[in-house]
């Protein structure tokens, strides 16, 4: 505030503004950047992967559960399992996971953050870490200088007199009262923001993700060592925060093919019970199938009571031949 800028240094509000702008910049960068989404398999690729799986596992007897779709991969003398994603139709890379909220597989998936509205993965984790780090510094900074402001005012006129120096009613609320409220808000915010920053600092030092820590991938009963850790805190931090970023594989200018959408609409209109004649059928087979379908529809029957008066007959009367039949005989 202006009081601290005059009494102590003009750099105090300037540094607070810089911290605020940096936190907002990293927040926007985390929210609007690609976290490392892995594209889904195309129909041809998915069919090829299915053929590979069937060739590897063989035919599964009816009633038996098929084996899990897993591939083993070796990293630093450690066996890592590549799991198959039934939604994306791919074998996920190591450390990747499918986000149920974004409905995409994300490379080096950490977690889905509702505060930034995006997944945190390989391509935006460093910006997320810088965001929570700068937010923690800004909270500590505001908390500290709010206490300094109240202390300086209290040394001159006393704490109670500081609170009573102006009426505490709107719109002339005391600046000191607002400062005390900020101190309380920052005090309760510190535990969550600073605690989250400390937790992610611990993960960065171990080269580990939140998803791996929750699942206990490297600290479970098997005591499997983390194959991605370099065994050095500095190297792990440099790799996670300063390593090269892979390019995004998303086609942001891609257009959805209309053929796929038209085929889906046509299948919805036909319904599950109807089938179209295939291109391999001949004209005779198509006509026969059409006749079979037409026979399945019952023709409407007309009773004698519903016939016109000139066509109704008594039970003993024989039917008269029609004019069309007589013309055909002649």
C-alpha atoms as a PDB file:
ATOM      1  CA  UNK A   1       0.000   0.000   0.000  1.00  0.00           C
ATOM      2  CA  UNK A   2       0.988   3.649  -0.164  1.00  0.00           C
ATOM      3  CA  UNK A   3       1.833   3.786   3.566  1.00  0.00           C
ATOM      4  CA  UNK A   4       4.499   1.050   3.228  1.00  0.00           C
ATOM      5  CA  UNK A   5       5.817   2.591   0.004  1.00  0.00           C
ATOM      6  CA  UNK A   6       6.333   5.912   1.786  1.00  0.00           C
ATOM      7  CA  UNK A   7       7.569   4.606   5.129  1.00  0.00           C
ATOM      8  CA  UNK A   8       9.748   1.691   3.948  1.00  0.00           C
ATOM      9  CA  UNK A   9      10.354   1.390   0.198  1.00  0.00           C
ATOM     10  CA  UNK A  10       8.458   2.004  -3.062  1.00  0.00           C
ATOM     11  CA  UNK A  11       9.633  -1.396  -4.269  1.00  0.00           C
ATOM     12  CA  UNK A  12       7.188  -3.213  -1.966  1.00  0.00           C
ATOM     13  CA  UNK A  13       4.009  -2.659  -4.016  1.00  0.00           C
ATOM     14  CA  UNK A  14       5.958  -3.008  -7.263  1.00  0.00           C
ATOM     15  CA  UNK A  15       7.239  -6.453  -6.307  1.00  0.00           C
ATOM     16  CA  UNK A  16       3.728  -7.493  -5.235  1.00  0.00           C
ATOM     17  CA  UNK A  17       2.355  -6.441  -8.630  1.00  0.00           C
ATOM     18  CA  UNK A  18       5.090  -8.378 -10.425  1.00  0.00           C
ATOM     19  CA  UNK A  19       4.321 -11.497  -8.412  1.00  0.00           C
ATOM     20  CA  UNK A  20       0.606 -11.141  -9.142  1.00  0.00           C
ATOM     21  CA  UNK A  21       1.147 -10.744 -12.895  1.00  0.00           C
ATOM     22  CA  UNK A  22       3.529 -13.716 -12.966  1.00  0.00           C
ATOM     23  CA  UNK A  23       1.031 -15.905 -11.111  1.00  0.00           C
ATOM     24  CA  UNK A  24      -1.762 -14.923 -13.519  1.00  0.00           C
ATOM     25  CA  UNK A  25       0.466 -15.569 -16.543  1.00  0.00           C
ATOM     26  CA  UNK A  26       1.414 -19.063 -15.380  1.00  0.00           C
ATOM     27  CA  UNK A  27      -2.234 -19.784 -14.519  1.00  0.00           C
ATOM     28  CA  UNK A  28      -3.361 -18.881 -18.047  1.00  0.00           C
ATOM     29  CA  UNK A  29      -0.493 -20.813 -19.585  1.00  0.00           C
ATOM     30  CA  UNK A  30      -1.435 -23.909 -17.587  1.00  0.00           C
ATOM     31  CA  UNK A  31      -5.116 -23.604 -18.424  1.00  0.00           C
ATOM     32  CA  UNK A  32      -4.817 -23.012 -22.171  1.00  0.00           C
ATOM     33  CA  UNK A  33      -1.878 -25.265 -23.049  1.00  0.00           C
ATOM     34  CA  UNK A  34      -1.914 -28.853 -24.251  1.00  0.00           C
ATOM     35  CA  UNK A  35      -1.007 -31.099 -21.296  1.00  0.00           C
ATOM     36  CA  UNK A  36       0.216 -33.836 -23.629  1.00  0.00           C
ATOM     37  CA  UNK A  37      -2.947 -35.369 -25.067  1.00  0.00           C
ATOM     38  CA  UNK A  38      -2.291 -38.556 -27.049  1.00  0.00           C
ATOM     39  CA  UNK A  39      -4.422 -38.846 -30.211  1.00  0.00           C
ATOM     40  CA  UNK A  40      -6.800 -41.760 -30.481  1.00  0.00           C
ATOM     41  CA  UNK A  41      -6.183 -44.561 -32.921  1.00  0.00           C
ATOM     42  CA  UNK A  42      -7.694 -44.289 -36.386  1.00  0.00           C
ATOM     43  CA  UNK A  43     -10.070 -47.078 -37.487  1.00  0.00           C
ATOM     44  CA  UNK A  44      -7.337 -48.793 -39.520  1.00  0.00           C
ATOM     45  CA  UNK A  45      -4.862 -48.538 -36.636  1.00  0.00           C
ATOM     46  CA  UNK A  46      -7.404 -49.856 -34.138  1.00  0.00           C
ATOM     47  CA  UNK A  47      -8.206 -52.811 -36.436  1.00  0.00           C
ATOM     48  CA  UNK A  48      -4.495 -53.594 -36.806  1.00  0.00           C
ATOM     49  CA  UNK A  49      -3.986 -53.506 -33.015  1.00  0.00           C
ATOM     50  CA  UNK A  50      -6.968 -55.825 -32.555  1.00  0.00           C
ATOM     51  CA  UNK A  51      -5.450 -58.260 -35.061  1.00  0.00           C
ATOM     52  CA  UNK A  52      -2.153 -58.192 -33.176  1.00  0.00           C
ATOM     53  CA  UNK A  53      -3.900 -58.863 -29.865  1.00  0.00           C
ATOM     54  CA  UNK A  54      -5.906 -61.760 -31.334  1.00  0.00           C
ATOM     55  CA  UNK A  55      -2.752 -63.237 -32.882  1.00  0.00           C
ATOM     56  CA  UNK A  56      -0.943 -62.991 -29.539  1.00  0.00           C
ATOM     57  CA  UNK A  57      -3.688 -64.223 -27.213  1.00  0.00           C
ATOM     58  CA  UNK A  58      -5.400 -66.585 -29.640  1.00  0.00           C
ATOM     59  CA  UNK A  59      -9.086 -67.379 -29.602  1.00  0.00           C
ATOM     60  CA  UNK A  60     -10.664 -67.242 -26.162  1.00  0.00           C
ATOM     61  CA  UNK A  61     -13.306 -69.935 -25.496  1.00  0.00           C
ATOM     62  CA  UNK A  62     -16.802 -68.695 -24.894  1.00  0.00           C
ATOM     63  CA  UNK A  63     -17.529 -68.054 -21.239  1.00  0.00           C
ATOM     64  CA  UNK A  64     -13.908 -67.451 -20.285  1.00  0.00           C
ATOM     65  CA  UNK A  65     -12.504 -64.052 -19.438  1.00  0.00           C
ATOM     66  CA  UNK A  66      -9.965 -62.780 -21.981  1.00  0.00           C
ATOM     67  CA  UNK A  67      -6.446 -62.097 -20.675  1.00  0.00           C
ATOM     68  CA  UNK A  68      -5.536 -58.474 -19.829  1.00  0.00           C
ATOM     69  CA  UNK A  69      -4.171 -56.435 -22.686  1.00  0.00           C
ATOM     70  CA  UNK A  70      -0.722 -55.542 -21.379  1.00  0.00           C
ATOM     71  CA  UNK A  71       2.693 -55.194 -22.948  1.00  0.00           C
ATOM     72  CA  UNK A  72       5.901 -55.342 -20.947  1.00  0.00           C
ATOM     73  CA  UNK A  73       8.509 -52.645 -21.535  1.00  0.00           C
ATOM     74  CA  UNK A  74      11.962 -52.365 -19.943  1.00  0.00           C
ATOM     75  CA  UNK A  75      13.258 -49.023 -18.652  1.00  0.00           C
ATOM     76  CA  UNK A  76      16.537 -48.862 -16.706  1.00  0.00           C
ATOM     77  CA  UNK A  77      16.402 -52.596 -15.979  1.00  0.00           C
ATOM     78  CA  UNK A  78      12.843 -52.251 -14.638  1.00  0.00           C
ATOM     79  CA  UNK A  79       9.809 -53.905 -16.215  1.00  0.00           C
ATOM     80  CA  UNK A  80       7.095 -51.345 -16.943  1.00  0.00           C
ATOM     81  CA  UNK A  81       3.636 -52.400 -18.113  1.00  0.00           C
ATOM     82  CA  UNK A  82       1.960 -50.684 -21.038  1.00  0.00           C
ATOM     83  CA  UNK A  83      -1.808 -50.879 -20.546  1.00  0.00           C
ATOM     84  CA  UNK A  84      -4.379 -50.878 -23.322  1.00  0.00           C
ATOM     85  CA  UNK A  85      -6.949 -48.070 -23.367  1.00  0.00           C
ATOM     86  CA  UNK A  86     -10.339 -49.325 -24.532  1.00  0.00           C
ATOM     87  CA  UNK A  87     -11.523 -45.768 -25.195  1.00  0.00           C
ATOM     88  CA  UNK A  88      -8.600 -44.500 -27.271  1.00  0.00           C
ATOM     89  CA  UNK A  89      -7.838 -47.960 -28.761  1.00  0.00           C
ATOM     90  CA  UNK A  90      -4.103 -47.651 -28.087  1.00  0.00           C
ATOM     91  CA  UNK A  91      -1.436 -49.014 -25.773  1.00  0.00           C
ATOM     92  CA  UNK A  92      -0.658 -46.078 -23.507  1.00  0.00           C
ATOM     93  CA  UNK A  93       2.989 -44.955 -23.242  1.00  0.00           C
ATOM     94  CA  UNK A  94       4.750 -45.266 -19.873  1.00  0.00           C
ATOM     95  CA  UNK A  95       3.390 -42.934 -17.165  1.00  0.00           C
ATOM     96  CA  UNK A  96       0.368 -42.035 -19.306  1.00  0.00           C
ATOM     97  CA  UNK A  97      -3.176 -42.380 -18.045  1.00  0.00           C
ATOM     98  CA  UNK A  98      -6.708 -41.765 -19.297  1.00  0.00           C
ATOM     99  CA  UNK A  99      -8.454 -38.774 -17.708  1.00  0.00           C
ATOM    100  CA  UNK A 100     -12.113 -39.496 -17.062  1.00  0.00           C
ATOM    101  CA  UNK A 101     -12.985 -35.792 -17.071  1.00  0.00           C
ATOM    102  CA  UNK A 102     -11.182 -34.749 -20.262  1.00  0.00           C
ATOM    103  CA  UNK A 103     -11.793 -38.209 -21.823  1.00  0.00           C
ATOM    104  CA  UNK A 104      -8.271 -38.300 -23.262  1.00  0.00           C
ATOM    105  CA  UNK A 105      -5.047 -40.152 -22.600  1.00  0.00           C
ATOM    106  CA  UNK A 106      -2.435 -37.711 -21.274  1.00  0.00           C
ATOM    107  CA  UNK A 107       1.296 -38.319 -21.406  1.00  0.00           C
ATOM    108  CA  UNK A 108       2.983 -38.304 -17.971  1.00  0.00           C
ATOM    109  CA  UNK A 109      -0.407 -37.719 -16.375  1.00  0.00           C
ATOM    110  CA  UNK A 110      -0.162 -36.003 -12.993  1.00  0.00           C
ATOM    111  CA  UNK A 111      -3.762 -35.081 -12.108  1.00  0.00           C
ATOM    112  CA  UNK A 112      -6.762 -33.110 -13.319  1.00  0.00           C
ATOM    113  CA  UNK A 113      -6.853 -29.739 -11.583  1.00  0.00           C
ATOM    114  CA  UNK A 114     -10.343 -28.207 -11.305  1.00  0.00           C
ATOM    115  CA  UNK A 115      -8.866 -24.826 -10.324  1.00  0.00           C
ATOM    116  CA  UNK A 116      -7.108 -24.404 -13.671  1.00  0.00           C
ATOM    117  CA  UNK A 117      -9.759 -26.351 -15.601  1.00  0.00           C
ATOM    118  CA  UNK A 118      -7.251 -28.582 -17.359  1.00  0.00           C
ATOM    119  CA  UNK A 119      -5.207 -31.721 -16.960  1.00  0.00           C
ATOM    120  CA  UNK A 120      -1.667 -31.385 -15.662  1.00  0.00           C
ATOM    121  CA  UNK A 121       0.690 -33.489 -17.726  1.00  0.00           C
ATOM    122  CA  UNK A 122       4.067 -33.554 -19.388  1.00  0.00           C
ATOM    123  CA  UNK A 123       3.691 -30.367 -21.427  1.00  0.00           C
ATOM    124  CA  UNK A 124       2.278 -28.032 -18.766  1.00  0.00           C
ATOM    125  CA  UNK A 125       3.479 -29.414 -15.424  1.00  0.00           C
ATOM    126  CA  UNK A 126       6.295 -26.874 -15.125  1.00  0.00           C
ATOM    127  CA  UNK A 127       3.849 -23.994 -15.609  1.00  0.00           C
ATOM    128  CA  UNK A 128       1.539 -25.483 -12.989  1.00  0.00           C
ATOM    129  CA  UNK A 129       4.423 -25.769 -10.541  1.00  0.00           C
ATOM    130  CA  UNK A 130       5.491 -22.167 -11.211  1.00  0.00           C
ATOM    131  CA  UNK A 131       1.887 -21.071 -10.699  1.00  0.00           C
ATOM    132  CA  UNK A 132       1.484 -22.624  -7.252  1.00  0.00           C
ATOM    133  CA  UNK A 133       5.018 -21.525  -6.292  1.00  0.00           C
ATOM    134  CA  UNK A 134       4.398 -17.886  -7.258  1.00  0.00           C
ATOM    135  CA  UNK A 135       0.971 -17.998  -5.599  1.00  0.00           C
ATOM    136  CA  UNK A 136       2.559 -19.247  -2.385  1.00  0.00           C
ATOM    137  CA  UNK A 137       5.171 -16.486  -2.488  1.00  0.00           C
ATOM    138  CA  UNK A 138       2.488 -13.875  -3.158  1.00  0.00           C
ATOM    139  CA  UNK A 139       0.378 -15.124  -0.244  1.00  0.00           C
ATOM    140  CA  UNK A 140       3.365 -15.097   2.122  1.00  0.00           C
ATOM    141  CA  UNK A 141       4.376 -11.659   0.852  1.00  0.00           C
ATOM    142  CA  UNK A 142       0.934 -10.131   1.441  1.00  0.00           C
ATOM    143  CA  UNK A 143       0.609 -11.862   4.814  1.00  0.00           C
ATOM    144  CA  UNK A 144       4.003 -10.571   5.971  1.00  0.00           C
ATOM    145  CA  UNK A 145       3.577  -6.952   4.952  1.00  0.00           C
ATOM    146  CA  UNK A 146       0.032  -6.807   6.313  1.00  0.00           C
ATOM    147  CA  UNK A 147       1.481  -7.709   9.709  1.00  0.00           C
ATOM    148  CA  UNK A 148       4.242  -5.121   9.199  1.00  0.00           C
ATOM    149  CA  UNK A 149       1.645  -2.459   8.424  1.00  0.00           C
ATOM    150  CA  UNK A 150      -0.406  -3.228  11.537  1.00  0.00           C
ATOM    151  CA  UNK A 151       2.771  -3.351  13.662  1.00  0.00           C
ATOM    152  CA  UNK A 152       4.030   0.023  12.416  1.00  0.00           C
ATOM    153  CA  UNK A 153       0.687   1.679  13.041  1.00  0.00           C
ATOM    154  CA  UNK A 154       0.394   0.049  16.462  1.00  0.00           C
ATOM    155  CA  UNK A 155       3.838   1.313  17.537  1.00  0.00           C
ATOM    156  CA  UNK A 156       2.708   4.891  16.951  1.00  0.00           C
ATOM    157  CA  UNK A 157      -0.810   5.009  18.373  1.00  0.00           C
ATOM    158  CA  UNK A 158      -1.400   1.532  19.809  1.00  0.00           C
ATOM    159  CA  UNK A 159      -3.253  -1.466  18.412  1.00  0.00           C
ATOM    160  CA  UNK A 160      -6.725  -0.591  19.682  1.00  0.00           C
ATOM    161  CA  UNK A 161      -6.388   3.007  18.588  1.00  0.00           C
ATOM    162  CA  UNK A 162      -5.243   1.788  15.196  1.00  0.00           C
ATOM    163  CA  UNK A 163      -8.441  -0.174  14.786  1.00  0.00           C
ATOM    164  CA  UNK A 164     -10.517   2.806  15.949  1.00  0.00           C
ATOM    165  CA  UNK A 165      -8.733   5.503  13.979  1.00  0.00           C
ATOM    166  CA  UNK A 166     -11.647   5.643  11.488  1.00  0.00           C
ATOM    167  CA  UNK A 167     -15.244   4.418  11.838  1.00  0.00           C
ATOM    168  CA  UNK A 168     -15.673   0.788  10.815  1.00  0.00           C
ATOM    169  CA  UNK A 169     -18.837   1.345   8.802  1.00  0.00           C
ATOM    170  CA  UNK A 170     -19.252   1.321   5.060  1.00  0.00           C
ATOM    171  CA  UNK A 171     -18.080   3.235   3.046  1.00  0.00           C
ATOM    172  CA  UNK A 172     -15.493   4.688   5.449  1.00  0.00           C
ATOM    173  CA  UNK A 173     -14.206   1.330   6.647  1.00  0.00           C
ATOM    174  CA  UNK A 174     -10.850   1.499   8.391  1.00  0.00           C
ATOM    175  CA  UNK A 175      -7.899   0.441   6.274  1.00  0.00           C
ATOM    176  CA  UNK A 176      -6.463  -1.307   9.311  1.00  0.00           C
ATOM    177  CA  UNK A 177      -9.628  -3.388   9.700  1.00  0.00           C
ATOM    178  CA  UNK A 178      -9.321  -4.480   6.083  1.00  0.00           C
ATOM    179  CA  UNK A 179      -5.670  -5.309   6.700  1.00  0.00           C
ATOM    180  CA  UNK A 180      -6.599  -7.493   9.664  1.00  0.00           C
ATOM    181  CA  UNK A 181      -9.133  -9.328   7.490  1.00  0.00           C
ATOM    182  CA  UNK A 182      -6.457  -9.884   4.855  1.00  0.00           C
ATOM    183  CA  UNK A 183      -4.158 -11.297   7.522  1.00  0.00           C
ATOM    184  CA  UNK A 184      -6.824 -13.801   8.569  1.00  0.00           C
ATOM    185  CA  UNK A 185      -7.576 -14.821   4.973  1.00  0.00           C
ATOM    186  CA  UNK A 186      -3.893 -15.238   4.126  1.00  0.00           C
ATOM    187  CA  UNK A 187      -3.309 -17.217   7.314  1.00  0.00           C
ATOM    188  CA  UNK A 188      -5.911 -19.840   6.399  1.00  0.00           C
ATOM    189  CA  UNK A 189      -4.906 -19.838   2.726  1.00  0.00           C
ATOM    190  CA  UNK A 190      -1.242 -20.387   3.515  1.00  0.00           C
ATOM    191  CA  UNK A 191      -1.770 -23.919   4.776  1.00  0.00           C
ATOM    192  CA  UNK A 192      -3.406 -25.158   1.581  1.00  0.00           C
ATOM    193  CA  UNK A 193      -1.334 -23.286  -1.030  1.00  0.00           C
ATOM    194  CA  UNK A 194       2.038 -23.658   0.658  1.00  0.00           C
ATOM    195  CA  UNK A 195       1.255 -27.275   1.555  1.00  0.00           C
ATOM    196  CA  UNK A 196       0.406 -28.053  -2.058  1.00  0.00           C
ATOM    197  CA  UNK A 197       3.620 -26.393  -3.223  1.00  0.00           C
ATOM    198  CA  UNK A 198       5.640 -28.401  -0.738  1.00  0.00           C
ATOM    199  CA  UNK A 199       4.006 -31.644  -1.847  1.00  0.00           C
ATOM    200  CA  UNK A 200       4.793 -31.002  -5.516  1.00  0.00           C
ATOM    201  CA  UNK A 201       8.331 -29.953  -4.625  1.00  0.00           C
ATOM    202  CA  UNK A 202       8.713 -33.352  -2.979  1.00  0.00           C
ATOM    203  CA  UNK A 203       7.375 -35.059  -6.139  1.00  0.00           C
ATOM    204  CA  UNK A 204       9.694 -33.065  -8.409  1.00  0.00           C
ATOM    205  CA  UNK A 205      12.697 -34.007  -6.271  1.00  0.00           C
ATOM    206  CA  UNK A 206      11.784 -37.698  -6.705  1.00  0.00           C
ATOM    207  CA  UNK A 207      10.749 -37.373 -10.377  1.00  0.00           C
ATOM    208  CA  UNK A 208       7.346 -38.764  -9.516  1.00  0.00           C
ATOM    209  CA  UNK A 209       3.769 -37.833 -10.403  1.00  0.00           C
ATOM    210  CA  UNK A 210       0.716 -37.392  -8.208  1.00  0.00           C
ATOM    211  CA  UNK A 211      -0.958 -40.321  -9.952  1.00  0.00           C
ATOM    212  CA  UNK A 212       2.003 -42.593  -9.192  1.00  0.00           C
ATOM    213  CA  UNK A 213       2.155 -41.409  -5.596  1.00  0.00           C
ATOM    214  CA  UNK A 214      -1.557 -42.083  -4.994  1.00  0.00           C
ATOM    215  CA  UNK A 215      -1.399 -45.532  -6.582  1.00  0.00           C
ATOM    216  CA  UNK A 216       1.852 -46.356  -4.779  1.00  0.00           C
ATOM    217  CA  UNK A 217       3.548 -47.448  -7.996  1.00  0.00           C
ATOM    218  CA  UNK A 218       7.064 -47.226  -6.570  1.00  0.00           C
ATOM    219  CA  UNK A 219       6.378 -47.513  -2.831  1.00  0.00           C
ATOM    220  CA  UNK A 220       4.079 -50.539  -2.712  1.00  0.00           C
ATOM    221  CA  UNK A 221       4.605 -53.978  -1.301  1.00  0.00           C
ATOM    222  CA  UNK A 222       6.901 -54.998  -4.161  1.00  0.00           C
ATOM    223  CA  UNK A 223       9.317 -52.178  -3.313  1.00  0.00           C
ATOM    224  CA  UNK A 224      10.007 -51.517  -6.987  1.00  0.00           C
ATOM    225  CA  UNK A 225      12.403 -48.636  -7.503  1.00  0.00           C
ATOM    226  CA  UNK A 226      11.401 -45.686  -9.625  1.00  0.00           C
ATOM    227  CA  UNK A 227      13.040 -46.255 -13.030  1.00  0.00           C
ATOM    228  CA  UNK A 228      12.640 -42.589 -13.991  1.00  0.00           C
ATOM    229  CA  UNK A 229      14.555 -41.168 -11.021  1.00  0.00           C
ATOM    230  CA  UNK A 230      18.207 -40.232 -11.527  1.00  0.00           C
ATOM    231  CA  UNK A 231      18.996 -40.678  -7.857  1.00  0.00           C
ATOM    232  CA  UNK A 232      19.900 -36.988  -7.631  1.00  0.00           C
ATOM    233  CA  UNK A 233      17.568 -34.172  -6.612  1.00  0.00           C
ATOM    234  CA  UNK A 234      19.213 -31.609  -8.885  1.00  0.00           C
ATOM    235  CA  UNK A 235      19.012 -33.874 -11.947  1.00  0.00           C
ATOM    236  CA  UNK A 236      15.382 -34.729 -11.250  1.00  0.00           C
ATOM    237  CA  UNK A 237      14.438 -31.065 -10.886  1.00  0.00           C
ATOM    238  CA  UNK A 238      16.298 -30.156 -14.063  1.00  0.00           C
ATOM    239  CA  UNK A 239      14.567 -32.888 -16.026  1.00  0.00           C
ATOM    240  CA  UNK A 240      11.052 -32.070 -14.813  1.00  0.00           C
ATOM    241  CA  UNK A 241      11.253 -28.272 -14.806  1.00  0.00           C
ATOM    242  CA  UNK A 242      13.946 -27.492 -17.375  1.00  0.00           C
ATOM    243  CA  UNK A 243      13.889 -30.445 -19.778  1.00  0.00           C
ATOM    244  CA  UNK A 244      12.871 -30.077 -23.438  1.00  0.00           C
ATOM    245  CA  UNK A 245       9.163 -30.039 -24.132  1.00  0.00           C
ATOM    246  CA  UNK A 246       7.858 -32.416 -26.808  1.00  0.00           C
ATOM    247  CA  UNK A 247       5.769 -30.795 -29.546  1.00  0.00           C
ATOM    248  CA  UNK A 248       2.020 -31.046 -29.384  1.00  0.00           C
ATOM    249  CA  UNK A 249       0.540 -33.821 -31.513  1.00  0.00           C
ATOM    250  CA  UNK A 250      -2.947 -32.308 -31.603  1.00  0.00           C
ATOM    251  CA  UNK A 251      -4.252 -31.054 -34.922  1.00  0.00           C
ATOM    252  CA  UNK A 252      -5.881 -27.819 -33.796  1.00  0.00           C
ATOM    253  CA  UNK A 253      -6.976 -26.950 -37.339  1.00  0.00           C
ATOM    254  CA  UNK A 254      -8.292 -30.385 -38.205  1.00  0.00           C
ATOM    255  CA  UNK A 255     -11.831 -30.804 -39.530  1.00  0.00           C
ATOM    256  CA  UNK A 256     -14.078 -33.707 -38.641  1.00  0.00           C
ATOM    257  CA  UNK A 257     -14.831 -35.901 -41.641  1.00  0.00           C
ATOM    258  CA  UNK A 258     -18.470 -35.644 -42.692  1.00  0.00           C
ATOM    259  CA  UNK A 259     -18.526 -39.253 -43.891  1.00  0.00           C
ATOM    260  CA  UNK A 260     -18.141 -40.599 -40.367  1.00  0.00           C
ATOM    261  CA  UNK A 261     -20.853 -38.324 -38.980  1.00  0.00           C
ATOM    262  CA  UNK A 262     -23.204 -39.134 -41.873  1.00  0.00           C
ATOM    263  CA  UNK A 263     -22.666 -42.876 -41.380  1.00  0.00           C
ATOM    264  CA  UNK A 264     -23.445 -42.560 -37.679  1.00  0.00           C
ATOM    265  CA  UNK A 265     -26.632 -40.599 -38.409  1.00  0.00           C
ATOM    266  CA  UNK A 266     -27.695 -43.199 -40.980  1.00  0.00           C
ATOM    267  CA  UNK A 267     -27.165 -46.061 -38.554  1.00  0.00           C
ATOM    268  CA  UNK A 268     -29.253 -44.236 -35.948  1.00  0.00           C
ATOM    269  CA  UNK A 269     -32.097 -43.701 -38.443  1.00  0.00           C
ATOM    270  CA  UNK A 270     -32.089 -47.321 -39.654  1.00  0.00           C
ATOM    271  CA  UNK A 271     -32.186 -48.715 -36.157  1.00  0.00           C
ATOM    272  CA  UNK A 272     -30.499 -51.835 -34.831  1.00  0.00           C
ATOM    273  CA  UNK A 273     -32.832 -54.354 -36.518  1.00  0.00           C
ATOM    274  CA  UNK A 274     -32.537 -53.212 -40.150  1.00  0.00           C
ATOM    275  CA  UNK A 275     -29.697 -54.117 -42.470  1.00  0.00           C
ATOM    276  CA  UNK A 276     -28.680 -52.779 -45.839  1.00  0.00           C
ATOM    277  CA  UNK A 277     -27.799 -55.142 -48.692  1.00  0.00           C
ATOM    278  CA  UNK A 278     -24.077 -55.345 -49.038  1.00  0.00           C
ATOM    279  CA  UNK A 279     -22.202 -54.394 -52.175  1.00  0.00           C
ATOM    280  CA  UNK A 280     -21.159 -58.018 -52.778  1.00  0.00           C
ATOM    281  CA  UNK A 281     -24.756 -59.213 -53.198  1.00  0.00           C
ATOM    282  CA  UNK A 282     -26.113 -59.547 -56.686  1.00  0.00           C
ATOM    283  CA  UNK A 283     -29.334 -58.016 -57.933  1.00  0.00           C
ATOM    284  CA  UNK A 284     -31.187 -61.318 -57.525  1.00  0.00           C
ATOM    285  CA  UNK A 285     -30.087 -61.694 -53.917  1.00  0.00           C
ATOM    286  CA  UNK A 286     -31.046 -58.135 -53.142  1.00  0.00           C
ATOM    287  CA  UNK A 287     -34.470 -58.648 -54.743  1.00  0.00           C
ATOM    288  CA  UNK A 288     -34.950 -61.893 -52.804  1.00  0.00           C
ATOM    289  CA  UNK A 289     -34.033 -60.197 -49.538  1.00  0.00           C
ATOM    290  CA  UNK A 290     -36.486 -57.431 -50.345  1.00  0.00           C
ATOM    291  CA  UNK A 291     -39.235 -59.963 -51.023  1.00  0.00           C
ATOM    292  CA  UNK A 292     -38.516 -61.719 -47.747  1.00  0.00           C
ATOM    293  CA  UNK A 293     -38.762 -58.447 -45.906  1.00  0.00           C
ATOM    294  CA  UNK A 294     -42.009 -57.608 -47.670  1.00  0.00           C
ATOM    295  CA  UNK A 295     -43.498 -60.977 -46.742  1.00  0.00           C
ATOM    296  CA  UNK A 296     -42.882 -60.322 -43.095  1.00  0.00           C
ATOM    297  CA  UNK A 297     -45.288 -57.386 -43.129  1.00  0.00           C
ATOM    298  CA  UNK A 298     -48.894 -58.697 -42.769  1.00  0.00           C
ATOM    299  CA  UNK A 299     -51.310 -57.407 -45.403  1.00  0.00           C
ATOM    300  CA  UNK A 300     -54.472 -55.770 -44.102  1.00  0.00           C
ATOM    301  CA  UNK A 301     -57.485 -58.107 -44.248  1.00  0.00           C
ATOM    302  CA  UNK A 302     -60.939 -56.917 -45.117  1.00  0.00           C
ATOM    303  CA  UNK A 303     -63.889 -58.793 -43.590  1.00  0.00           C
ATOM    304  CA  UNK A 304     -67.179 -59.402 -45.296  1.00  0.00           C
ATOM    305  CA  UNK A 305     -68.924 -56.893 -43.110  1.00  0.00           C
ATOM    306  CA  UNK A 306     -66.490 -54.218 -44.213  1.00  0.00           C
ATOM    307  CA  UNK A 307     -67.000 -54.902 -47.956  1.00  0.00           C
ATOM    308  CA  UNK A 308     -69.229 -52.592 -50.003  1.00  0.00           C
ATOM    309  CA  UNK A 309     -72.889 -53.475 -50.403  1.00  0.00           C
ATOM    310  CA  UNK A 310     -72.584 -54.603 -54.032  1.00  0.00           C
ATOM    311  CA  UNK A 311     -69.747 -57.014 -53.123  1.00  0.00           C
ATOM    312  CA  UNK A 312     -71.343 -58.621 -50.052  1.00  0.00           C
ATOM    313  CA  UNK A 313     -72.757 -62.152 -50.604  1.00  0.00           C
ATOM    314  CA  UNK A 314     -74.741 -64.652 -48.705  1.00  0.00           C
ATOM    315  CA  UNK A 315     -73.049 -67.692 -47.212  1.00  0.00           C
ATOM    316  CA  UNK A 316     -74.440 -70.059 -49.908  1.00  0.00           C
ATOM    317  CA  UNK A 317     -73.785 -67.816 -52.916  1.00  0.00           C
ATOM    318  CA  UNK A 318     -70.826 -68.584 -55.163  1.00  0.00           C
ATOM    319  CA  UNK A 319     -68.418 -65.796 -56.050  1.00  0.00           C
ATOM    320  CA  UNK A 320     -68.942 -64.304 -59.504  1.00  0.00           C
ATOM    321  CA  UNK A 321     -65.978 -64.057 -61.845  1.00  0.00           C
ATOM    322  CA  UNK A 322     -64.580 -60.625 -62.239  1.00  0.00           C
ATOM    323  CA  UNK A 323     -64.514 -58.667 -65.458  1.00  0.00           C
ATOM    324  CA  UNK A 324     -60.743 -58.693 -65.531  1.00  0.00           C
ATOM    325  CA  UNK A 325     -60.698 -62.490 -65.413  1.00  0.00           C
ATOM    326  CA  UNK A 326     -63.144 -62.689 -68.322  1.00  0.00           C
ATOM    327  CA  UNK A 327     -61.132 -60.322 -70.430  1.00  0.00           C
ATOM    328  CA  UNK A 328     -58.065 -62.363 -69.764  1.00  0.00           C
ATOM    329  CA  UNK A 329     -59.796 -65.567 -70.978  1.00  0.00           C
ATOM    330  CA  UNK A 330     -60.886 -63.880 -74.224  1.00  0.00           C
END
